[in-house]
Protein backbone atom coordinates (compact mmCIF):
# COMPACT_ATOMS: atom_id res chain seq x y z
CA MET A 1 -62.43 -54.15 20.08
CA THR A 2 -62.86 -55.15 23.72
CA MET A 3 -60.91 -52.91 26.18
CA THR A 4 -59.51 -53.84 29.59
CA ARG A 5 -58.94 -51.25 32.21
CA LYS A 6 -55.48 -51.20 33.79
CA THR A 7 -54.32 -49.13 36.79
CA ILE A 8 -50.65 -48.18 36.86
CA THR A 9 -48.45 -46.17 39.23
CA ILE A 10 -45.95 -43.88 37.82
CA SER A 11 -43.52 -41.31 39.29
CA THR A 12 -44.33 -37.61 39.47
CA SER A 13 -41.68 -36.90 36.75
CA MET A 14 -43.18 -39.64 34.52
CA ASP A 15 -46.64 -38.09 34.97
CA ALA A 16 -45.35 -34.82 34.04
CA TRP A 17 -43.85 -36.38 30.87
CA VAL A 18 -47.07 -38.02 29.98
CA LYS A 19 -49.02 -34.82 30.50
CA ASN A 20 -46.55 -32.93 28.24
CA GLN A 21 -46.87 -35.53 25.60
CA VAL A 22 -50.61 -35.29 25.69
CA GLY A 23 -50.21 -31.41 25.75
CA THR A 24 -48.67 -31.45 22.41
CA GLY A 25 -51.97 -32.47 20.87
CA ARG A 26 -50.57 -35.68 19.39
CA TYR A 27 -52.53 -37.68 21.97
CA GLY A 28 -56.15 -37.01 23.32
CA ASN A 29 -55.43 -38.42 26.73
CA ASP A 30 -53.04 -40.48 28.84
CA SER A 31 -54.56 -43.73 27.59
CA GLU A 32 -53.87 -42.95 23.98
CA TYR A 33 -50.22 -42.13 24.82
CA PHE A 34 -49.78 -45.46 26.72
CA ARG A 35 -51.47 -47.43 23.79
CA ASP A 36 -49.14 -45.86 21.37
CA LEU A 37 -46.12 -46.87 23.60
CA ILE A 38 -47.40 -50.43 23.59
CA ARG A 39 -47.83 -50.44 19.87
CA HIS A 40 -44.34 -49.21 19.29
CA ASP A 41 -42.90 -51.78 21.67
CA GLN A 42 -44.89 -54.54 19.83
CA GLU A 43 -43.53 -53.36 16.40
CA LYS A 44 -39.99 -53.18 17.98
CA GLN A 45 -40.18 -56.73 19.31
CA GLU A 46 -41.59 -57.99 15.99
CA LYS A 47 -38.63 -56.51 14.06
CA LEU A 48 -36.23 -57.93 16.60
CA GLU A 49 -37.72 -61.23 16.25
CA ALA A 50 -37.50 -61.14 12.43
CA LEU A 51 -33.87 -60.02 12.71
CA ARG A 52 -33.05 -62.96 14.90
CA ALA A 53 -34.63 -65.25 12.65
CA ALA A 54 -32.73 -63.96 9.72
CA ILE A 55 -29.39 -64.26 11.75
CA ASP A 56 -30.30 -67.87 12.60
CA ALA A 57 -31.09 -68.60 9.01
CA GLY A 58 -27.88 -67.10 7.86
CA ARG A 59 -25.89 -69.10 10.43
CA LYS A 60 -27.62 -72.28 9.52
CA SER A 61 -26.98 -71.70 5.78
CA GLY A 62 -23.24 -72.30 6.15
CA VAL A 63 -20.22 -70.61 4.77
CA SER A 64 -20.68 -69.09 1.25
CA ASP A 65 -18.35 -69.68 -1.73
CA SER A 66 -19.10 -66.21 -3.01
CA THR A 67 -16.18 -63.68 -2.99
CA MET A 68 -16.58 -60.28 -1.59
CA ALA A 69 -16.90 -58.90 -5.12
CA ASP A 70 -19.69 -61.29 -5.84
CA ILE A 71 -21.49 -60.26 -2.62
CA LEU A 72 -21.15 -56.58 -3.30
CA ARG A 73 -22.30 -57.00 -6.92
CA ASP A 74 -25.38 -58.96 -5.67
CA ALA A 75 -26.17 -56.41 -2.94
CA GLN A 76 -25.89 -53.56 -5.51
CA ALA A 77 -28.15 -55.28 -7.98
CA GLU A 78 -30.66 -55.93 -5.16
CA ALA A 79 -30.49 -52.24 -4.00
CA GLY A 80 -30.99 -50.98 -7.51
CA GLY A 81 -27.19 -50.04 -7.82
CA GLU A 82 -27.28 -47.56 -4.80
CA ILE A 83 -24.44 -49.11 -2.66
């Protein structure tokens, strides 16, 4: 994987936060911490886009003829009866 060097400026309190996160041992250095933040942000955005797409699809599908009892029964069946 090709890496690109970035230079950022953060406040003293943010720097202390990053150092503390690295100090927990979960990250080997500042760069690993920032890469993890970016990965989490990417995952969050992908989930948000999928949710928006599902909402759009639901809106486009129109009004259902199913009753609330039908919807609950179908949801319970899909969830393995755990609703």
